[in-house]
Structure formats: structure tokens, C-alpha cells
Amino acid sequence: MNPRVKNVTPLQEYLLELIFTNNEKKVFDLKPYLNFGIFSELKNYELFNTVKASCGTVVWDNGIDICPDTIYLESI
């Protein structure tokens, strides 16, 4: 199983700075997701900035979350 998110900080340009349970620090680019379904709601920076770590992944106030494996594997 991949490490899980323990901390997240929203950055400019729809980037997320992540710290994982193995203490790796990575950045996830959300831009490729913003034109798909419910993720388009996150184009609103106020909503985007509500991101928090929960249950090993990231979630927003409107209930959107992302698979924790995707977050880990697609972060650089």
C-alpha cells in the first residue's frame, strides 16, 4: 500500500503541497482534473483553498476527494 496524506497545503496554480505518512514531501498538480465532472467546481479558488487531509487523502468542503493512491503516484 502506498503512503497516505497526513498534511496538505494549497498553493498557487491549483497545486497541492503534500506530506505523506512516510514523511515524503511532494506536489500534486490538480489542473488536469479541473475540466472533468465535479472537479470543475475546484476552479473556484475559495473552494480550492478549503482542502484538508482526511482519512489518508485530500478532501474539500463540497465533499470532493481523490483516491489516495492517485495522489501519491501522480505527485512529484
N, C-alpha and C. Protein backbone atom coordinates (compact mmCIF):
# COMPACT_ATOMS: atom_id res chain seq x y z
N MET A 1 0.84 -1.18 0.00
CA MET A 1 0.00 0.00 0.00
C MET A 1 0.89 1.24 0.00
N ASN A 2 0.47 2.24 -0.77
CA ASN A 2 1.21 3.49 -0.84
C ASN A 2 1.01 4.31 0.43
N PRO A 3 1.96 5.19 0.74
CA PRO A 3 1.79 6.09 1.88
C PRO A 3 0.54 6.95 1.70
N ARG A 4 0.00 7.42 2.78
CA ARG A 4 -1.20 8.24 2.77
C ARG A 4 -0.86 9.68 3.16
N VAL A 5 -1.74 10.59 2.77
CA VAL A 5 -1.55 12.02 3.05
C VAL A 5 -1.78 12.28 4.53
N LYS A 6 -0.82 13.00 5.13
CA LYS A 6 -1.04 13.42 6.52
C LYS A 6 -1.17 14.93 6.65
N ASN A 7 -0.72 15.67 5.61
CA ASN A 7 -0.86 17.13 5.64
C ASN A 7 -0.92 17.64 4.20
N VAL A 8 -1.73 18.67 3.98
CA VAL A 8 -1.85 19.28 2.65
C VAL A 8 -1.93 20.78 2.79
N THR A 9 -1.27 21.47 1.85
CA THR A 9 -1.30 22.93 1.79
C THR A 9 -1.62 23.33 0.36
N PRO A 10 -2.67 24.13 0.14
CA PRO A 10 -2.97 24.60 -1.21
C PRO A 10 -1.95 25.66 -1.63
N LEU A 11 -1.51 25.57 -2.88
CA LEU A 11 -0.57 26.52 -3.45
C LEU A 11 -1.21 27.23 -4.64
N GLN A 12 -0.52 28.20 -5.21
CA GLN A 12 -0.98 28.87 -6.43
C GLN A 12 -1.06 27.88 -7.58
N GLU A 13 -1.81 28.25 -8.61
CA GLU A 13 -1.89 27.46 -9.85
C GLU A 13 -2.47 26.07 -9.64
N TYR A 14 -3.33 25.90 -8.66
CA TYR A 14 -4.01 24.62 -8.39
C TYR A 14 -3.04 23.48 -8.06
N LEU A 15 -2.00 23.83 -7.33
CA LEU A 15 -1.05 22.83 -6.86
C LEU A 15 -1.32 22.55 -5.38
N LEU A 16 -1.04 21.33 -4.97
CA LEU A 16 -1.17 20.93 -3.57
C LEU A 16 0.17 20.44 -3.07
N GLU A 17 0.66 21.03 -1.99
CA GLU A 17 1.87 20.54 -1.34
C GLU A 17 1.44 19.49 -0.32
N LEU A 18 2.00 18.31 -0.43
CA LEU A 18 1.58 17.18 0.39
C LEU A 18 2.72 16.64 1.24
N ILE A 19 2.40 16.21 2.43
CA ILE A 19 3.33 15.44 3.26
C ILE A 19 2.64 14.12 3.53
N PHE A 20 3.36 13.03 3.24
CA PHE A 20 2.80 11.69 3.36
C PHE A 20 3.24 11.04 4.67
N THR A 21 2.62 9.92 4.98
CA THR A 21 2.90 9.23 6.23
C THR A 21 4.33 8.71 6.33
N ASN A 22 5.03 8.61 5.19
CA ASN A 22 6.44 8.21 5.20
C ASN A 22 7.35 9.45 5.24
N ASN A 23 6.75 10.63 5.47
CA ASN A 23 7.42 11.93 5.54
C ASN A 23 7.95 12.45 4.22
N GLU A 24 7.58 11.81 3.10
CA GLU A 24 7.90 12.38 1.79
C GLU A 24 7.09 13.65 1.59
N LYS A 25 7.70 14.61 0.92
CA LYS A 25 7.02 15.85 0.57
C LYS A 25 6.93 15.90 -0.96
N LYS A 26 5.72 16.05 -1.47
CA LYS A 26 5.50 16.07 -2.91
C LYS A 26 4.50 17.16 -3.26
N VAL A 27 4.38 17.40 -4.57
CA VAL A 27 3.42 18.37 -5.08
C VAL A 27 2.52 17.66 -6.10
N PHE A 28 1.21 17.88 -5.95
CA PHE A 28 0.22 17.32 -6.86
C PHE A 28 -0.39 18.45 -7.67
N ASP A 29 -0.42 18.29 -8.99
CA ASP A 29 -1.00 19.29 -9.89
C ASP A 29 -2.44 18.90 -10.19
N LEU A 30 -3.38 19.69 -9.72
CA LEU A 30 -4.79 19.40 -9.91
C LEU A 30 -5.31 19.89 -11.26
N LYS A 31 -4.56 20.73 -11.97
CA LYS A 31 -5.05 21.34 -13.21
C LYS A 31 -5.60 20.33 -14.22
N PRO A 32 -4.98 19.16 -14.44
CA PRO A 32 -5.53 18.22 -15.43
C PRO A 32 -6.93 17.70 -15.08
N TYR A 33 -7.35 17.82 -13.85
CA TYR A 33 -8.65 17.31 -13.41
C TYR A 33 -9.76 18.36 -13.48
N LEU A 34 -9.40 19.63 -13.62
CA LEU A 34 -10.36 20.71 -13.45
C LEU A 34 -11.44 20.80 -14.53
N ASN A 35 -11.30 20.09 -15.62
CA ASN A 35 -12.32 20.11 -16.66
C ASN A 35 -13.16 18.85 -16.68
N PHE A 36 -13.10 18.06 -15.61
CA PHE A 36 -13.84 16.80 -15.54
C PHE A 36 -14.83 16.81 -14.39
N GLY A 37 -16.10 16.66 -14.74
CA GLY A 37 -17.15 16.46 -13.75
C GLY A 37 -17.11 17.44 -12.59
N ILE A 38 -17.27 16.89 -11.41
CA ILE A 38 -17.36 17.69 -10.19
C ILE A 38 -16.07 18.46 -9.88
N PHE A 39 -14.94 17.98 -10.41
CA PHE A 39 -13.68 18.67 -10.16
C PHE A 39 -13.68 20.10 -10.71
N SER A 40 -14.54 20.39 -11.69
CA SER A 40 -14.59 21.75 -12.24
C SER A 40 -14.99 22.77 -11.17
N GLU A 41 -15.70 22.32 -10.13
CA GLU A 41 -16.05 23.23 -9.03
C GLU A 41 -14.82 23.79 -8.33
N LEU A 42 -13.71 23.06 -8.41
CA LEU A 42 -12.49 23.49 -7.72
C LEU A 42 -11.75 24.60 -8.45
N LYS A 43 -12.26 25.03 -9.62
CA LYS A 43 -11.70 26.21 -10.28
C LYS A 43 -11.92 27.45 -9.43
N ASN A 44 -12.91 27.40 -8.56
CA ASN A 44 -13.18 28.47 -7.61
C ASN A 44 -12.09 28.40 -6.53
N TYR A 45 -11.22 29.42 -6.51
CA TYR A 45 -10.09 29.39 -5.57
C TYR A 45 -10.53 29.34 -4.11
N GLU A 46 -11.66 29.97 -3.79
CA GLU A 46 -12.13 29.91 -2.39
C GLU A 46 -12.41 28.47 -1.99
N LEU A 47 -13.06 27.71 -2.87
CA LEU A 47 -13.33 26.31 -2.59
C LEU A 47 -12.04 25.49 -2.64
N PHE A 48 -11.20 25.73 -3.64
CA PHE A 48 -9.93 25.01 -3.75
C PHE A 48 -9.12 25.13 -2.46
N ASN A 49 -9.12 26.31 -1.88
CA ASN A 49 -8.33 26.56 -0.67
C ASN A 49 -8.91 25.93 0.60
N THR A 50 -10.07 25.29 0.51
CA THR A 50 -10.65 24.62 1.68
C THR A 50 -10.09 23.20 1.84
N VAL A 51 -9.17 22.80 1.01
CA VAL A 51 -8.63 21.43 1.04
C VAL A 51 -8.04 21.11 2.41
N LYS A 52 -8.24 19.85 2.82
CA LYS A 52 -7.64 19.37 4.07
C LYS A 52 -7.34 17.88 3.93
N ALA A 53 -6.44 17.40 4.76
CA ALA A 53 -6.13 15.97 4.80
C ALA A 53 -7.16 15.28 5.66
N SER A 54 -7.66 14.14 5.17
CA SER A 54 -8.65 13.37 5.92
C SER A 54 -8.61 11.93 5.46
N CYS A 55 -8.52 11.02 6.40
CA CYS A 55 -8.55 9.58 6.10
C CYS A 55 -7.51 9.18 5.06
N GLY A 56 -6.35 9.84 5.07
CA GLY A 56 -5.25 9.46 4.20
C GLY A 56 -5.26 10.06 2.81
N THR A 57 -6.23 10.93 2.53
CA THR A 57 -6.28 11.58 1.23
C THR A 57 -6.59 13.06 1.43
N VAL A 58 -6.98 13.75 0.37
CA VAL A 58 -7.37 15.15 0.46
C VAL A 58 -8.85 15.27 0.17
N VAL A 59 -9.51 16.18 0.87
CA VAL A 59 -10.94 16.44 0.67
C VAL A 59 -11.19 17.94 0.71
N TRP A 60 -12.27 18.34 0.05
CA TRP A 60 -12.68 19.74 0.04
C TRP A 60 -14.03 19.87 0.72
N ASP A 61 -14.40 21.09 1.06
CA ASP A 61 -15.64 21.35 1.80
C ASP A 61 -16.90 20.90 1.06
N ASN A 62 -16.84 20.76 -0.25
CA ASN A 62 -18.02 20.32 -1.00
C ASN A 62 -18.08 18.80 -1.13
N GLY A 63 -17.17 18.08 -0.46
CA GLY A 63 -17.19 16.62 -0.44
C GLY A 63 -16.32 15.94 -1.48
N ILE A 64 -15.70 16.69 -2.37
CA ILE A 64 -14.81 16.09 -3.36
C ILE A 64 -13.59 15.51 -2.66
N ASP A 65 -13.18 14.33 -3.12
CA ASP A 65 -11.91 13.75 -2.66
C ASP A 65 -11.25 13.07 -3.84
N ILE A 66 -10.02 12.65 -3.65
CA ILE A 66 -9.26 11.97 -4.70
C ILE A 66 -8.68 10.70 -4.10
N CYS A 67 -8.64 9.66 -4.89
CA CYS A 67 -8.06 8.39 -4.46
C CYS A 67 -6.66 8.63 -3.89
N PRO A 68 -6.37 8.14 -2.69
CA PRO A 68 -5.05 8.38 -2.10
C PRO A 68 -3.90 7.78 -2.92
N ASP A 69 -4.15 6.69 -3.62
CA ASP A 69 -3.09 6.12 -4.47
C ASP A 69 -2.78 7.03 -5.64
N THR A 70 -3.82 7.62 -6.23
CA THR A 70 -3.62 8.58 -7.33
C THR A 70 -2.81 9.77 -6.84
N ILE A 71 -3.18 10.29 -5.68
CA ILE A 71 -2.45 11.44 -5.12
C ILE A 71 -0.97 11.11 -4.97
N TYR A 72 -0.66 9.96 -4.43
CA TYR A 72 0.74 9.60 -4.20
C TYR A 72 1.47 9.34 -5.52
N LEU A 73 0.89 8.53 -6.39
CA LEU A 73 1.59 8.11 -7.61
C LEU A 73 1.74 9.24 -8.62
N GLU A 74 0.82 10.20 -8.65
CA GLU A 74 0.89 11.28 -9.64
C GLU A 74 1.55 12.55 -9.10
N SER A 75 1.98 12.53 -7.86
CA SER A 75 2.67 13.70 -7.29
C SER A 75 4.16 13.62 -7.62
N ILE A 76 4.78 14.79 -7.70
CA ILE A 76 6.22 14.83 -7.97
C ILE A 76 6.94 15.55 -6.84
